[in-house]
Protein backbone atom coordinates (compact mmCIF):
# COMPACT_ATOMS: atom_id res chain seq x y z
CA MET A 1 95.29 71.51 70.72
CA LYS A 2 97.84 71.80 73.43
CA PHE A 3 96.96 75.73 73.62
CA ALA A 4 93.39 74.40 74.04
CA ARG A 5 94.26 72.00 76.79
CA VAL A 6 96.56 74.56 78.67
CA ALA A 7 93.54 77.08 78.63
CA ALA A 8 91.00 74.87 79.78
CA ILE A 9 93.32 73.98 82.92
CA LEU A 10 93.86 77.39 83.47
CA LEU A 11 90.21 78.12 83.75
CA ALA A 12 89.45 75.43 85.94
CA LEU A 13 92.10 76.68 88.36
CA SER A 14 90.18 80.12 88.17
CA LEU A 15 86.70 78.44 88.72
CA ALA A 16 88.31 77.00 91.73
CA SER A 17 89.72 80.23 93.28
CA PRO A 18 86.71 82.20 95.09
CA THR A 19 86.94 85.87 94.89
CA SER A 20 86.27 88.63 97.43
CA ALA A 21 84.93 92.07 97.95
CA PHE A 22 86.97 94.94 99.10
CA THR A 23 84.76 97.95 100.06
CA THR A 24 86.26 100.63 102.61
CA PRO A 25 84.70 102.55 105.12
CA ALA A 26 85.31 105.54 103.34
CA TYR A 27 83.49 104.80 100.31
CA ARG A 28 80.74 102.70 101.83
CA THR A 29 79.87 105.58 104.20
CA GLN A 30 79.29 107.92 101.17
CA ILE A 31 77.46 105.72 99.22
CA THR A 32 74.98 104.33 101.88
CA ALA A 33 73.91 107.95 102.93
CA SER A 34 70.53 109.50 102.51
CA ALA A 35 70.57 110.65 99.07
CA THR A 36 66.85 111.91 98.64
CA GLY A 37 66.31 115.63 96.99
CA ASN A 38 64.91 117.72 94.09
CA ASN A 39 65.96 119.22 91.12
CA TYR A 40 68.72 117.05 90.33
CA ARG A 41 70.39 117.45 86.93
CA SER A 42 71.70 114.84 84.85
CA TYR A 43 75.28 114.87 82.96
CA SER A 44 73.95 113.65 79.53
CA THR A 45 73.19 116.57 77.25
CA TYR A 46 70.38 114.48 75.66
CA LEU A 47 68.59 113.84 78.77
CA LYS A 48 65.45 115.87 78.95
CA GLU A 49 64.21 115.49 82.40
CA SER A 50 65.50 113.83 85.64
CA THR A 51 64.23 113.99 89.21
CA VAL A 52 64.83 112.28 92.53
CA GLU A 53 61.84 111.88 94.60
CA GLU A 54 60.83 110.37 97.89
CA ASP A 55 58.94 107.16 97.37
CA ASN A 56 55.33 106.59 97.70
CA ALA A 57 53.87 104.72 100.62
CA GLU A 58 54.60 101.20 99.12
CA ASP A 59 58.00 101.79 98.32
CA THR A 60 58.23 103.59 101.69
CA ALA A 61 57.29 100.80 103.34
CA VAL A 62 59.88 98.42 101.41
CA GLU A 63 62.66 100.68 102.46
CA GLU A 64 61.58 100.72 106.15
CA LYS A 65 61.61 96.83 106.05
CA THR A 66 65.37 96.97 104.11
CA GLN A 67 66.38 99.15 106.89
CA GLU A 68 65.34 97.19 109.45
CA GLN A 69 67.70 94.52 108.15
CA GLN A 70 70.74 97.31 107.67
CA PRO A 71 70.24 100.11 109.70
CA ALA A 72 72.70 102.11 107.38
CA ALA A 73 70.94 101.59 104.11
CA ALA A 74 69.52 103.91 101.93
CA ALA A 75 66.67 103.67 99.09
CA VAL A 76 66.80 105.91 96.36
CA VAL A 77 64.19 106.11 93.64
CA VAL A 78 65.31 107.48 90.20
CA GLU A 79 62.74 108.55 87.71
CA SER A 80 64.32 109.41 84.19
CA SER A 81 62.39 110.85 81.11
CA ILE A 82 64.59 109.68 78.15
CA PRO A 83 64.02 110.19 74.43
CA PRO A 84 64.10 106.84 72.80
CA PRO A 85 65.95 106.67 69.39
CA THR A 86 63.13 106.45 67.10
CA THR A 87 60.27 108.33 69.04
CA THR A 88 59.73 111.57 71.19
CA THR A 89 57.59 109.61 73.41
CA LYS A 90 58.51 109.88 77.08
CA ARG A 91 59.58 106.47 78.91
CA THR A 92 59.83 106.45 82.43
CA THR A 93 61.80 104.08 84.64
CA THR A 94 61.80 103.56 88.44
CA THR A 95 65.00 102.23 90.16
CA LYS A 96 65.78 101.34 93.58
CA ILE A 97 69.35 101.79 95.03
CA THR A 98 69.85 100.05 98.61
CA ALA A 99 72.84 99.31 100.33
CA ASP A 100 72.78 95.52 99.56
CA ARG A 101 72.55 96.31 95.85
CA ILE A 102 75.63 98.86 96.25
CA GLU A 103 77.53 96.09 98.31
CA LYS A 104 76.80 93.61 95.48
CA ALA A 105 77.54 95.78 92.35
CA THR A 106 80.93 96.89 94.19
CA LYS A 107 81.93 93.49 94.80
CA GLU A 108 84.93 91.98 92.44
CA ARG A 109 83.50 90.05 89.73
CA PRO A 110 84.40 86.53 89.45
CA TYR A 111 87.60 85.92 88.14
CA PRO A 112 86.44 83.38 85.00
CA LEU A 113 83.70 85.84 84.31
CA PHE A 114 85.84 88.65 84.39
CA LEU A 115 88.49 87.24 81.89
CA ALA A 116 85.28 86.37 79.61
CA GLU A 117 84.69 90.23 79.69
CA LYS A 118 88.16 90.93 79.00
CA ALA A 119 88.48 88.98 76.09
CA ALA A 120 85.27 90.01 74.90
CA SER A 121 86.04 93.46 75.09
CA ILE A 122 88.82 93.06 72.57
CA LEU A 123 86.31 91.72 69.88
CA PRO A 124 84.66 94.25 67.33
CA SER A 125 81.61 96.00 68.64
CA PHE A 126 78.62 95.60 66.49
CA LYS A 127 76.52 98.13 68.28
CA SER A 128 73.95 100.03 66.64
CA GLU A 129 74.41 103.91 66.46
CA GLU A 130 73.44 105.68 69.52
CA TYR A 131 71.11 108.60 69.29
CA TYR A 132 72.62 112.05 69.83
CA PRO A 133 70.57 115.12 69.01
CA THR A 134 72.20 117.63 66.78
CA ASN A 135 70.70 120.75 68.41
CA THR A 136 72.57 120.21 71.38
CA GLN A 137 76.04 121.20 72.38
CA LYS A 138 78.80 118.80 73.30
CA GLU A 139 80.02 118.40 76.47
CA ARG A 140 83.83 119.37 76.88
CA ILE A 141 86.21 117.09 78.53
CA ILE A 142 89.69 118.45 79.63
CA VAL A 143 92.09 115.60 79.79
CA LEU A 144 95.36 116.85 82.05
CA GLY A 145 98.55 114.99 80.98
CA THR A 146 99.53 112.67 78.42
CA GLY A 147 100.88 109.38 80.15
CA TRP A 148 99.49 105.79 80.19
CA GLY A 149 96.21 106.64 81.47
CA ALA A 150 95.82 109.67 79.40
CA ALA A 151 96.70 108.14 75.92
CA SER A 152 94.35 104.55 76.50
CA PHE A 153 91.65 107.19 77.47
CA LEU A 154 92.05 109.06 74.29
CA LYS A 155 92.04 105.89 72.22
CA SER A 156 88.76 104.85 73.70
CA ILE A 157 86.51 107.84 74.29
CA ASP A 158 83.72 108.92 71.60
CA CYS A 159 84.61 112.15 70.23
CA ASN A 160 81.32 112.08 68.36
CA LYS A 161 79.79 112.54 72.09
CA TYR A 162 82.57 114.74 73.59
CA ASP A 163 84.55 117.83 72.96
CA VAL A 164 88.07 116.56 74.16
CA THR A 165 90.76 118.84 75.12
CA VAL A 166 94.20 117.72 76.31
CA ILE A 167 96.32 120.15 78.35
CA SER A 168 100.06 118.92 79.14
CA PRO A 169 103.53 120.91 78.26
CA ARG A 170 104.25 117.52 76.66
CA ASN A 171 102.79 116.87 73.25
CA TYR A 172 103.72 113.44 73.13
CA PHE A 173 102.93 109.83 74.90
CA VAL A 174 106.12 108.33 76.05
CA PHE A 175 106.52 104.48 76.38
CA THR A 176 108.20 104.62 79.82
CA PRO A 177 109.53 101.05 80.09
CA MET A 178 111.78 101.62 77.29
CA LEU A 179 113.49 104.87 78.61
CA ALA A 180 116.24 102.34 80.51
CA GLY A 181 117.36 101.22 77.01
CA ALA A 182 117.19 104.72 75.34
CA SER A 183 119.38 106.15 78.17
CA VAL A 184 122.03 103.88 76.62
CA GLY A 185 121.16 103.98 73.03
CA THR A 186 119.50 100.81 72.81
CA VAL A 187 116.55 102.38 71.16
CA GLU A 188 116.07 105.90 69.48
CA PHE A 189 114.12 108.34 71.62
CA ARG A 190 111.49 109.06 68.84
CA SER A 191 111.01 105.72 68.50
CA ILE A 192 109.45 105.51 71.86
CA THR A 193 107.15 108.48 71.57
CA GLU A 194 103.99 109.12 69.87
CA PRO A 195 102.45 112.65 69.30
CA VAL A 196 98.94 113.26 70.85
CA ARG A 197 97.51 114.15 67.81
CA GLU A 198 98.39 111.02 66.18
CA ILE A 199 96.80 108.84 69.05
CA ASN A 200 93.29 110.68 68.41
CA SER A 201 93.07 113.03 65.57
CA LYS A 202 89.69 114.48 66.78
CA VAL A 203 91.05 115.93 70.08
CA ARG A 204 92.24 119.56 70.76
CA TYR A 205 95.57 119.62 72.37
CA LEU A 206 96.84 123.07 74.31
CA GLU A 207 100.57 123.09 75.32
CA ALA A 208 100.31 124.26 78.73
CA ALA A 209 100.64 123.17 82.44
CA ALA A 210 97.87 123.40 84.67
CA THR A 211 98.65 124.96 87.92
CA GLU A 212 94.94 125.16 89.88
CA VAL A 213 91.68 123.42 89.48
CA ASP A 214 88.76 124.91 91.15
CA PRO A 215 85.72 122.60 91.44
CA LYS A 216 83.02 125.11 92.47
CA THR A 217 83.33 126.93 89.10
CA ASN A 218 84.74 123.70 86.75
CA THR A 219 87.74 125.94 85.96
CA LEU A 220 91.27 125.09 85.24
CA SER A 221 93.99 127.79 85.52
CA CYS A 222 96.98 127.06 83.38
CA VAL A 223 100.51 128.66 82.28
CA SER A 224 102.08 128.26 78.82
CA ILE A 225 105.23 129.45 77.73
CA VAL A 226 105.07 131.43 74.55
CA CYS A 227 108.01 131.75 72.43
CA GLU A 228 109.03 134.37 69.61
CA GLY A 229 112.37 134.26 68.14
CA ASN A 230 114.73 133.95 70.96
CA SER A 231 112.62 135.43 73.55
CA CYS A 232 110.00 133.39 75.73
CA GLU A 233 107.28 134.76 77.89
CA THR A 234 104.80 133.14 80.41
CA GLU A 235 100.90 133.39 79.41
CA GLU A 236 98.40 132.58 81.92
CA PHE A 237 94.76 131.45 81.02
CA GLU A 238 91.70 129.72 82.51
CA ILE A 239 89.14 127.06 80.83
CA ASN A 240 86.13 125.75 81.82
CA TYR A 241 85.25 121.96 81.70
CA ASP A 242 82.29 119.78 82.17
CA ARG A 243 84.15 116.86 82.97
CA LEU A 244 87.70 116.64 83.95
CA VAL A 245 90.10 113.45 83.48
CA PHE A 246 92.95 114.21 86.20
CA SER A 247 95.84 111.96 84.94
CA VAL A 248 98.78 113.79 85.73
CA GLY A 249 100.68 111.13 87.11
CA ALA A 250 103.34 111.66 89.53
CA GLN A 251 107.10 112.77 90.15
CA THR A 252 110.06 111.21 91.60
CA THR A 253 110.36 111.80 95.59
CA THR A 254 113.51 112.14 97.32
CA PHE A 255 112.17 111.68 100.84
CA GLY A 256 113.68 114.87 102.03
CA THR A 257 117.16 113.37 101.41
CA PRO A 258 119.78 116.31 100.94
CA GLY A 259 121.60 116.37 97.89
CA VAL A 260 119.24 114.32 95.52
CA GLU A 261 117.64 116.97 93.41
CA GLU A 262 120.96 118.84 92.96
CA TYR A 263 123.27 115.69 91.97
CA CYS A 264 121.20 112.88 91.14
CA ASN A 265 119.56 111.86 87.83
CA TYR A 266 115.93 110.73 87.38
CA LEU A 267 114.28 108.43 84.82
CA LYS A 268 110.82 109.55 84.05
CA GLN A 269 111.27 111.59 81.21
CA VAL A 270 112.52 111.33 77.53
CA GLY A 271 114.85 114.27 78.80
CA ASP A 272 115.98 112.12 81.67
CA ALA A 273 117.26 109.46 79.31
CA GLN A 274 119.10 112.04 77.11
CA GLN A 275 120.56 113.66 79.95
CA ILE A 276 121.64 110.06 81.26
CA LYS A 277 123.08 108.84 77.90
CA ASN A 278 125.42 112.06 77.86
CA ALA A 279 126.59 111.63 81.43
CA ILE A 280 127.52 107.97 80.57
CA VAL A 281 129.39 109.06 77.75
CA ASN A 282 131.10 112.02 79.55
CA CYS A 283 132.21 109.76 82.43
CA PHE A 284 134.06 107.69 80.21
CA GLU A 285 135.81 110.48 78.19
CA SER A 286 136.83 112.01 81.64
CA ALA A 287 138.41 109.00 82.87
CA GLY A 288 140.35 108.90 79.44
CA LEU A 289 141.96 112.00 79.97
CA PRO A 290 145.59 112.01 81.04
CA ASP A 291 147.22 112.24 84.13
CA LEU A 292 144.24 110.68 86.11
CA THR A 293 145.42 108.45 89.05
CA GLU A 294 143.68 104.94 89.24
CA GLU A 295 141.67 106.14 92.18
CA GLU A 296 140.22 109.11 90.14
CA LYS A 297 139.41 106.68 86.94
CA ILE A 298 137.43 104.44 89.46
CA LYS A 299 135.46 107.41 90.79
CA GLU A 300 134.85 108.53 87.03
CA LEU A 301 133.48 105.32 86.50
CA SER A 302 131.52 104.34 89.28
CA PHE A 303 127.69 104.50 88.48
CA VAL A 304 125.40 104.21 91.72
CA ILE A 305 122.14 103.27 91.08
CA ILE A 306 119.56 104.19 94.00
CA GLY A 307 116.42 101.96 94.34
CA ALA A 308 116.55 98.52 92.95
CA GLY A 309 112.82 98.41 91.68
CA PRO A 310 112.23 97.28 88.00
CA THR A 311 113.46 101.13 86.76
CA GLY A 312 116.67 100.77 88.58
CA ILE A 313 117.46 97.05 87.89
CA GLU A 314 116.45 97.46 83.97
CA PHE A 315 118.89 100.43 83.73
CA ALA A 316 121.42 98.50 85.45
CA ALA A 317 120.94 95.67 83.19
CA GLU A 318 121.34 98.10 80.06
CA LEU A 319 124.36 99.59 81.26
CA LEU A 320 126.03 96.47 81.62
CA ASP A 321 124.89 95.29 78.26
CA PHE A 322 126.45 98.86 76.77
CA ILE A 323 129.93 97.89 78.58
CA GLU A 324 129.76 94.16 77.44
CA GLU A 325 128.75 94.66 73.92
CA ASN A 326 130.35 98.12 72.74
CA GLY A 327 132.68 99.06 75.80
CA ALA A 328 135.48 96.87 74.70
CA ARG A 329 135.30 98.64 71.16
CA PHE A 330 135.49 102.33 72.36
CA TYR A 331 137.06 102.18 76.00
CA LYS A 332 138.79 99.03 76.34
CA GLU A 333 141.46 100.22 78.64
CA LEU A 334 138.98 101.70 81.04
CA LEU A 335 136.66 98.83 81.41
CA PRO A 336 138.83 97.39 84.39
CA TYR A 337 137.73 100.43 86.20
CA VAL A 338 133.95 100.30 85.80
CA ARG A 339 131.99 100.07 88.89
CA ILE A 340 128.06 99.53 89.23
CA LYS A 341 126.63 99.53 92.46
CA ILE A 342 122.74 99.02 92.95
CA VAL A 343 121.58 100.52 96.38
CA GLU A 344 118.16 99.34 98.30
CA ALA A 345 116.92 100.01 101.22
CA ALA A 346 115.17 96.78 101.48
CA PRO A 347 116.35 93.33 102.07
CA SER A 348 115.80 92.49 98.62
CA ILE A 349 115.63 93.52 94.99
CA LEU A 350 112.44 93.52 92.82
CA ARG A 351 109.88 93.24 95.55
CA PRO A 352 107.00 92.52 93.38
CA PHE A 353 108.66 89.24 92.23
CA GLU A 354 108.78 85.81 93.61
CA ASP A 355 112.17 84.76 95.55
CA GLY A 356 113.29 82.30 92.57
CA MET A 357 112.93 85.27 89.92
CA LYS A 358 115.20 87.75 92.47
CA GLU A 359 117.71 85.14 92.54
CA GLU A 360 117.86 84.64 88.89
CA ALA A 361 117.95 88.12 88.45
CA ILE A 362 121.08 88.98 91.00
CA ARG A 363 122.68 86.07 88.98
CA LYS A 364 122.38 87.79 85.42
CA LEU A 365 123.49 91.13 86.91
CA THR A 366 126.47 89.83 89.30
CA ARG A 367 127.75 87.83 86.10
CA LYS A 368 131.43 87.63 85.11
CA ILE A 369 132.48 89.42 81.68
CA GLU A 370 134.80 87.84 79.44
CA LEU A 371 136.15 90.14 76.69
CA GLU A 372 139.32 89.54 74.64
CA GLY A 373 142.05 91.76 75.57
CA VAL A 374 140.43 92.71 78.85
CA PRO A 375 141.10 90.94 82.32
CA THR A 376 137.99 89.21 83.70
CA LEU A 377 135.29 91.73 84.69
CA GLN A 378 132.42 91.49 87.53
CA PRO A 379 131.55 95.15 87.46
CA LEU A 380 128.22 94.92 89.30
CA GLU A 381 127.53 94.99 92.96
CA ILE A 382 124.20 95.04 94.97
CA LEU A 383 123.91 96.47 98.30
CA THR A 384 120.77 95.81 100.05
CA ASN A 385 119.76 97.27 103.43
CA LYS A 386 121.43 100.62 102.83
CA LEU A 387 119.79 103.69 103.47
CA VAL A 388 121.04 106.78 101.54
CA SER A 389 121.39 109.96 104.10
CA GLU A 390 122.74 112.38 101.75
CA VAL A 391 124.17 112.72 98.37
CA SER A 392 126.87 115.56 97.32
CA GLY A 393 128.96 116.10 94.26
CA ASN A 394 131.27 113.41 94.56
CA TYR A 395 129.82 110.97 97.28
CA VAL A 396 126.62 108.93 98.27
CA TYR A 397 126.76 108.76 101.98
CA PHE A 398 124.93 106.16 104.00
CA LYS A 399 123.27 106.19 107.31
CA ASP A 400 125.66 103.43 108.81
CA GLY A 401 128.73 106.04 108.05
CA GLU A 402 129.88 104.58 104.96
CA LYS A 403 130.15 106.14 101.60
CA ILE A 404 130.57 105.61 97.87
CA PRO A 405 132.25 107.89 95.34
CA TYR A 406 130.56 108.17 92.06
CA GLY A 407 130.81 109.60 88.65
CA MET A 408 127.08 109.37 87.74
CA SER A 409 124.15 108.71 90.22
CA LEU A 410 120.60 107.58 89.37
CA TRP A 411 117.71 107.92 91.78
CA ALA A 412 114.97 105.41 91.33
CA ALA A 413 113.84 105.19 94.76
CA GLY A 414 109.87 105.95 94.41
CA ILE A 415 107.49 108.49 93.23
CA GLY A 416 105.56 111.35 95.38
CA GLN A 417 102.35 113.84 93.96
CA LEU A 418 102.90 116.68 92.15
CA PRO A 419 101.86 120.08 93.42
CA ILE A 420 98.58 120.53 91.24
CA THR A 421 97.45 116.86 93.05
CA THR A 422 98.19 118.36 96.45
CA HIS A 423 96.59 121.62 95.49
CA LEU A 424 93.53 119.68 94.37
CA LEU A 425 93.14 117.71 97.54
CA ASP A 426 93.36 120.84 99.82
CA THR A 427 90.46 122.13 97.56
CA LEU A 428 88.39 119.26 97.94
CA GLY A 429 89.44 119.23 101.73
CA GLU A 430 86.10 119.73 103.36
CA THR A 431 84.40 117.18 101.58
CA GLU A 432 84.46 113.18 101.92
CA GLN A 433 87.96 113.35 100.24
CA LYS A 434 89.55 114.38 103.62
CA ASP A 435 88.21 111.10 105.27
CA ALA A 436 89.04 109.28 102.46
CA GLN A 437 92.95 110.25 103.01
CA ASP A 438 93.23 107.84 105.79
CA PHE A 439 93.52 105.09 103.03
CA ALA A 440 94.42 107.07 100.03
CA ARG A 441 97.54 108.46 101.55
CA GLY A 442 97.92 111.64 99.36
CA ARG A 443 96.23 110.39 96.03
CA LEU A 444 93.03 111.44 94.98
CA ALA A 445 90.62 108.88 96.16
CA VAL A 446 88.12 107.68 93.74
CA ASP A 447 84.83 105.51 93.85
CA PRO A 448 84.87 102.25 91.92
CA TRP A 449 83.87 104.23 88.59
CA LEU A 450 87.12 106.35 89.08
CA ARG A 451 85.09 109.50 89.75
CA VAL A 452 87.11 111.65 92.57
CA ILE A 453 85.29 111.54 95.80
CA GLY A 454 83.95 115.04 96.63
CA GLY A 455 84.29 116.01 93.07
CA ASP A 456 80.31 115.49 92.27
CA GLY A 457 80.81 113.29 89.25
CA LYS A 458 82.55 116.15 87.39
CA ILE A 459 86.22 114.85 88.19
CA PHE A 460 87.71 111.52 87.49
CA ALA A 461 91.38 110.56 88.35
CA LEU A 462 93.37 107.74 87.39
CA GLY A 463 97.00 106.45 87.39
CA ASP A 464 99.47 107.11 89.87
CA CYS A 465 97.87 110.41 91.14
CA SER A 466 94.76 108.43 92.18
CA CYS A 467 93.61 105.62 94.53
CA VAL A 468 90.37 103.35 94.18
CA SER A 469 88.80 103.47 97.49
CA SER A 470 86.83 100.20 97.15
CA ALA A 471 89.91 98.08 96.56
CA PRO A 472 93.33 97.15 97.77
CA MET A 473 95.97 99.77 96.76
CA LEU A 474 96.87 99.11 93.28
CA PRO A 475 100.70 99.66 92.31
CA ALA A 476 101.65 102.64 90.37
CA THR A 477 102.41 101.09 86.97
CA ALA A 478 101.62 101.53 83.52
CA GLN A 479 99.59 98.53 83.42
CA VAL A 480 97.15 100.00 85.78
CA ALA A 481 97.02 103.55 84.64
CA ALA A 482 96.55 101.99 81.10
CA GLN A 483 93.40 99.89 82.25
CA GLN A 484 91.87 102.80 84.23
CA GLY A 485 92.12 104.91 80.87
CA GLU A 486 90.64 102.31 78.66
CA PHE A 487 87.87 101.89 81.21
CA LEU A 488 86.94 105.31 81.57
CA GLY A 489 87.11 106.20 78.02
CA ASP A 490 84.47 103.38 77.33
CA PHE A 491 82.63 104.23 80.39
CA LEU A 492 82.07 107.92 79.43
CA SER A 493 81.27 107.05 76.03
CA LYS A 494 77.91 105.10 77.14
CA ASP A 495 74.79 106.42 78.68
CA TYR A 496 75.20 106.45 82.30
CA CYS A 497 73.71 108.96 85.15
CA ILE A 498 77.23 109.81 86.63
CA ASP A 499 76.60 113.01 88.61
CA ALA A 500 76.09 113.34 92.25
CA MET A 501 72.78 113.21 93.63
CA ASP A 502 72.59 115.61 96.47
CA ASP A 503 76.26 115.77 96.75
CA LYS A 504 76.28 111.68 96.83
CA LEU A 505 77.77 109.73 94.34
CA LEU A 506 75.52 106.85 93.87
CA PRO A 507 76.43 104.12 91.52
CA PRO A 508 75.95 105.36 88.01
CA LEU A 509 72.77 103.87 86.31
CA GLY A 510 71.82 103.43 82.65
CA MET A 511 69.88 106.18 81.19
CA ASN A 512 68.06 104.20 78.43
CA ALA A 513 67.17 100.39 79.40
CA ASP A 514 66.68 99.71 75.77
CA GLN A 515 70.23 101.03 74.82
CA SER A 516 72.41 98.15 73.25
CA LYS A 517 75.03 96.60 75.12
CA THR A 518 78.24 94.81 74.15
CA LEU A 519 78.89 91.39 74.96
CA ALA A 520 81.26 92.35 77.38
CA ASP A 521 78.96 94.77 79.06
CA LYS A 522 76.40 91.82 79.20
CA ILE A 523 79.05 89.51 80.80
CA ALA A 524 79.94 92.42 83.33
CA SER A 525 75.98 92.70 83.90
CA PHE A 526 75.60 88.67 84.47
CA ALA A 527 78.83 88.57 87.00
CA MET A 528 77.13 91.56 88.87
CA GLY A 529 73.64 90.33 88.58
CA ASP A 530 72.35 93.88 87.92
CA ASP A 531 72.02 95.19 84.42
CA GLU A 532 71.03 98.68 85.35
CA ILE A 533 74.28 99.91 87.26
CA ALA A 534 77.38 100.46 85.48
CA PRO A 535 79.94 97.56 86.29
CA PRO A 536 82.89 99.45 87.91
CA PHE A 537 86.62 99.33 87.28
CA GLN A 538 88.43 96.01 87.89
CA TYR A 539 92.09 95.55 87.51
CA LEU A 540 93.33 92.51 85.75
CA ASP A 541 96.78 91.81 87.25
CA LEU A 542 98.51 90.18 83.86
CA GLY A 543 101.98 90.05 85.45
CA ILE A 544 105.37 92.01 85.50
CA LEU A 545 107.93 91.98 83.23
CA ALA A 546 112.09 93.12 84.05
CA TYR A 547 114.99 92.93 81.59
CA THR A 548 118.11 91.64 83.52
CA GLY A 549 120.57 91.70 80.68
CA LYS A 550 122.50 89.61 77.78
CA GLY A 551 119.33 88.52 76.44
CA SER A 552 117.52 87.42 79.36
CA ALA A 553 114.47 88.76 81.18
CA LEU A 554 111.95 88.05 83.99
CA ALA A 555 108.33 87.62 83.02
CA GLN A 556 105.95 86.75 86.13
CA VAL A 557 102.77 86.19 84.86
CA GLN A 558 99.53 85.97 87.01
CA ILE A 559 97.03 83.08 85.85
CA ALA A 560 94.80 83.61 89.07
CA PRO A 561 94.38 86.04 91.80
CA GLY A 562 95.20 85.78 95.39
CA GLY A 563 92.28 86.57 97.89
CA GLY A 564 91.17 87.02 101.11
CA MET A 565 91.05 90.01 103.63
CA PRO A 566 94.11 90.95 106.10
CA GLY A 567 93.95 88.87 109.04
CA ALA A 568 91.37 86.31 107.79
CA THR A 569 91.91 82.96 108.47
CA GLU A 570 91.37 81.59 104.43
CA ASN A 571 93.94 83.47 102.46
CA TRP A 572 95.37 82.23 99.33
CA ASP A 573 98.42 83.47 97.03
CA PRO A 574 97.98 84.17 93.46
CA VAL A 575 99.00 81.51 90.97
CA ARG A 576 101.63 82.64 88.80
CA LEU A 577 103.82 81.50 86.03
CA GLN A 578 107.29 82.36 86.29
CA ILE A 579 109.42 82.62 83.06
CA LYS A 580 112.94 83.53 82.78
CA GLY A 581 116.26 83.37 80.48
CA LYS A 582 115.69 83.34 76.79
CA LEU A 583 112.24 82.60 76.63
CA GLY A 584 111.61 85.55 79.08
CA PHE A 585 113.55 87.83 76.88
CA GLY A 586 111.52 86.62 73.78
CA LEU A 587 108.27 87.26 76.06
CA TRP A 588 109.66 90.66 77.41
CA ARG A 589 110.34 91.84 73.86
CA SER A 590 106.96 90.40 72.17
CA ILE A 591 104.75 92.34 74.93
CA TYR A 592 106.55 95.33 74.68
CA LEU A 593 105.89 95.42 70.81
CA LEU A 594 102.38 94.69 71.11
CA LYS A 595 101.93 97.25 73.63
CA MET A 596 103.22 100.31 71.54
CA THR A 597 100.92 102.87 70.69
CA SER A 598 100.84 102.56 66.85
CA PRO A 599 102.23 99.96 64.52
CA LYS A 600 104.96 102.93 63.33
CA ASN A 601 106.62 102.84 66.83
CA ALA A 602 106.86 99.07 66.88
CA VAL A 603 108.36 98.95 63.68
CA LEU A 604 110.86 101.77 64.47
CA VAL A 605 112.04 99.87 67.85
CA ALA A 606 112.20 96.55 66.13
CA LEU A 607 114.69 98.56 63.76
CA ASP A 608 116.65 100.05 66.43
CA TRP A 609 117.21 96.39 67.97
CA ILE A 610 118.62 95.24 64.71
CA LYS A 611 120.57 98.36 64.34
CA VAL A 612 122.31 97.98 67.80
CA LYS A 613 123.06 94.42 66.88
CA LEU A 614 124.64 95.13 63.70
CA PHE A 615 126.34 98.37 64.39
CA GLY A 616 126.44 98.94 68.04
CA ARG A 617 125.09 101.86 70.32
CA ASP A 618 125.98 105.57 69.38
CA ILE A 619 128.02 107.49 71.78
CA SER A 620 127.46 110.85 70.54
CA ILE A 621 127.00 113.62 72.87
CA LEU A 622 124.15 115.67 71.55
């Protein structure tokens, strides 16, 4: 009963919060341009015939009237002949697309209805079996990457409709939020990884790295490393696609800072965490050698973390736990020399969090540690407004002239795009993608249905390498990528006309008005006021988590979104629930277990936590 009352109150708050539309000029210019033409070829393998024609005299009059009201508007009539599931009789539908209709379809759906839509999507689907002719070949979807977006896509795509191939040099998905824990031995590496073939046993996997994309020929150039015995050689090959899901993610960026690539560790892959784990133990073992001065011991046991976002903070918290819980057992005489310094260029840490949560994180991280037989420790220090100018083999240099010695350094200060993303942007340079870069800033600009602008509806992009051009810039987080992957898999599994028409990406239309819809689809269509256009992607901000050490965590849960436009007179902040301490820690662990890709991973992680509690962390250098 109490939960029901809370839910009712939250729903009432949501109903009281208006929503706003975010449509950037880049996408609006594209979708409202004239798009009449002939010989339009649909994406569907079972669509028999589809044409785009100029309207008749009566419809043209309506179009002229619409253009008088809004000069930039365009009216497109789509006639589709689709075989119904139980008969071969052709059925023709006529649909007019105007700028007003497009504007309405791409608006953010009202938050209460959007919550209802997301809740309904969790329910089991009772859709009738779709009609797929047996004499047609499946379209081939190539998925680049095995990160959050790709994993969610593979879970939701209909492999009875598509031939899906995954290409990545990594044959597994990694639960990246737990890499910080894995880097100090809190969880095992294999507990937070899941093979691609176990995520979806119907997909084909190729262990290779894509190097180039040719949108004109729908071809990928790839390179693979083939090993026989102790000798390895590279092998290049090309592969064609009908649809490309570009989900390669991003790489750590150094902002051109000298020495970072040579001397700093990163924390984005399992190999990075393994390297950090060995480096930490090596620092302690080196500091224990005889004849070292006190200054040399402090240098060896100084850990500098550059970047105070969630990655840097969680790593610092895990390292502090290792020192407090296991340090006295293995390195009691060395603990007084340990120094942990978090360096941040901005005035504060954890920028996505509210001020009260930041203060709680600082309090936990800078806590004093009392251990038997060891003087009181306070090893962690947070340095803000510090810009790194250079990193050498022994020191981190700052622009204010100061320098800090270190034994191990971690760079967690930002992300940048991979070379293949930059190459694809260059390839699409003469399309609308070029204009969209004013907003996307190095990412692939996509429309509200995640189709790459300039990609003719053949290429989709999601996650850190993409930017939805019809919404505010979304954060580069696992939460965004996972939601986009789930949306895209579900979207492609349904029957929508998604290819470009006369080089213009118009809103995807349902190709069969009689096809069954899930409850979530019906709610979305109602919220849009349109049951023909596919509901576009809409991000649901569930909040953000951060572990702060010693069984404490921050959980900032969003209840209702903010709104308004930049410079508007009526803007309002999001309504957020702030949970910290032990309760936040319980929520942090519960959510991470629920988000695991499989029950096996959840069990393994839970067992790792129990094992560390009973026996401590392993310090073997492997």
